[in-house]
Amino acid sequence: MALVRIEARELPDSPLDAAAAFHARILPEARRASGNDLVLLFDPADHTHLHWRTAAVEELAREAAPCRVNGAVGGSSGSVKAVCDYLDKAPGVTGQLFAVDGNPARKD
């Protein structure tokens, strides 16, 4: 399973600008990783980033089929490993954005 980490410092704070930067800079790397199952690892952000992240994961999953694409937001390396282990054993799960460590896909 390929992992692509998207750190908060790589993207602007504004959700619209962050989505544009993701699609311009990170999407090409994610597409190169397709051919394998893929997990996009996002740093926490406020709730305004939830929808563009979800849409990006869903559309990448459709494009990469039959390979799977999922996303995870936040979490320690141990919890990210737990999500990846779960996904390895769940071959039908794709196009999902998981909140790790009880993080509701945002930071307050």
Protein backbone atom coordinates (compact mmCIF):
# COMPACT_ATOMS: atom_id res chain seq x y z
CA MET A 1 0.00 0.00 0.00
CA ALA A 2 1.42 3.37 -1.02
CA LEU A 3 1.24 6.32 1.38
CA VAL A 4 1.21 9.98 0.39
CA ARG A 5 1.58 12.36 3.33
CA ILE A 6 0.07 15.84 2.96
CA GLU A 7 1.40 18.11 5.70
CA ALA A 8 -0.44 21.24 6.76
CA ARG A 9 2.57 23.42 5.91
CA GLU A 10 2.33 22.29 2.28
CA LEU A 11 -1.13 23.81 1.81
CA PRO A 12 -2.65 27.27 2.38
CA ASP A 13 -5.10 27.81 5.24
CA SER A 14 -8.00 28.76 2.95
CA PRO A 15 -9.90 25.63 1.85
CA LEU A 16 -10.31 26.83 -1.72
CA ASP A 17 -6.61 27.66 -2.01
CA ALA A 18 -5.66 24.41 -0.26
CA ALA A 19 -7.75 22.39 -2.72
CA ALA A 20 -6.14 24.19 -5.66
CA ALA A 21 -2.64 23.58 -4.27
CA PHE A 22 -3.45 19.92 -3.59
CA HIS A 23 -4.64 19.40 -7.15
CA ALA A 24 -1.68 21.25 -8.66
CA ARG A 25 1.15 19.80 -6.56
CA ILE A 26 0.06 16.64 -4.75
CA LEU A 27 -2.45 15.06 -7.11
CA PRO A 28 0.23 14.20 -9.70
CA GLU A 29 2.20 12.30 -7.01
CA ALA A 30 -0.95 10.49 -5.91
CA ARG A 31 -1.72 9.51 -9.50
CA ARG A 32 1.80 8.15 -9.93
CA ALA A 33 1.21 5.99 -6.86
CA SER A 34 -1.95 4.52 -8.39
CA GLY A 35 -1.48 1.02 -9.63
CA ASN A 36 -1.15 0.25 -5.93
CA ASP A 37 -3.66 0.72 -3.16
CA LEU A 38 -3.13 4.22 -1.79
CA VAL A 39 -3.74 6.07 1.46
CA LEU A 40 -3.56 9.87 1.53
CA LEU A 41 -2.45 11.03 4.99
CA PHE A 42 -3.73 14.54 5.77
CA ASP A 43 -2.75 16.67 8.76
CA PRO A 44 -5.74 17.93 10.76
CA ALA A 45 -7.48 21.07 9.51
CA ASP A 46 -10.69 22.82 10.43
CA HIS A 47 -14.06 21.60 9.18
CA THR A 48 -13.94 23.79 6.07
CA HIS A 49 -11.42 21.37 4.50
CA LEU A 50 -13.57 18.25 4.93
CA HIS A 51 -15.51 18.44 1.66
CA TRP A 52 -12.66 19.05 -0.78
CA ARG A 53 -10.61 16.31 0.88
CA THR A 54 -13.50 13.85 0.72
CA ALA A 55 -14.16 14.70 -2.93
CA ALA A 56 -10.48 14.28 -3.83
CA VAL A 57 -10.31 10.85 -2.17
CA GLU A 58 -13.59 9.72 -3.77
CA GLU A 59 -12.61 10.83 -7.27
CA LEU A 60 -9.12 9.33 -7.02
CA ALA A 61 -10.72 6.06 -5.91
CA ARG A 62 -13.00 6.05 -8.96
CA GLU A 63 -10.10 6.85 -11.27
CA ALA A 64 -7.74 4.25 -9.75
CA ALA A 65 -10.21 1.34 -9.65
CA PRO A 66 -9.70 -1.56 -9.24
CA CYS A 67 -6.98 -0.25 -6.92
CA ARG A 68 -8.25 1.32 -3.74
CA VAL A 69 -7.73 4.89 -2.53
CA ASN A 70 -8.59 6.06 0.98
CA GLY A 71 -7.64 8.99 3.18
CA ALA A 72 -6.83 9.43 6.85
CA VAL A 73 -6.81 12.71 8.79
CA GLY A 74 -4.56 13.28 11.78
CA GLY A 75 -3.23 10.69 14.12
CA SER A 76 0.01 9.36 15.49
CA SER A 77 2.17 7.01 13.46
CA GLY A 78 0.75 4.09 15.48
CA SER A 79 -2.84 4.98 14.72
CA VAL A 80 -2.05 5.57 11.04
CA LYS A 81 -0.44 2.11 10.96
CA ALA A 82 -3.61 0.68 12.55
CA VAL A 83 -5.77 2.28 9.82
CA CYS A 84 -3.44 0.93 7.11
CA ASP A 85 -3.51 -2.54 8.69
CA TYR A 86 -7.31 -2.40 8.73
CA LEU A 87 -7.42 -1.34 5.07
CA ASP A 88 -5.09 -4.18 4.10
CA LYS A 89 -7.68 -6.61 5.49
CA ALA A 90 -10.73 -4.80 4.08
CA PRO A 91 -10.52 -5.21 0.30
CA GLY A 92 -13.93 -3.67 -0.34
CA VAL A 93 -13.17 -0.34 1.37
CA THR A 94 -12.31 2.48 -1.01
CA GLY A 95 -13.09 6.18 -1.41
CA GLN A 96 -13.30 6.80 2.35
CA LEU A 97 -11.81 9.56 4.49
CA PHE A 98 -11.09 8.29 8.02
CA ALA A 99 -10.65 10.44 11.13
CA VAL A 100 -7.80 8.96 13.18
CA ASP A 101 -7.47 9.21 17.00
CA GLY A 102 -11.05 10.41 17.34
CA ASN A 103 -10.15 13.49 15.31
CA PRO A 104 -13.35 14.61 13.53
CA ALA A 105 -11.36 15.67 10.44
CA ARG A 106 -10.72 19.10 11.92
CA LYS A 107 -8.88 20.90 14.65
CA ASP A 108 -10.55 23.47 16.88
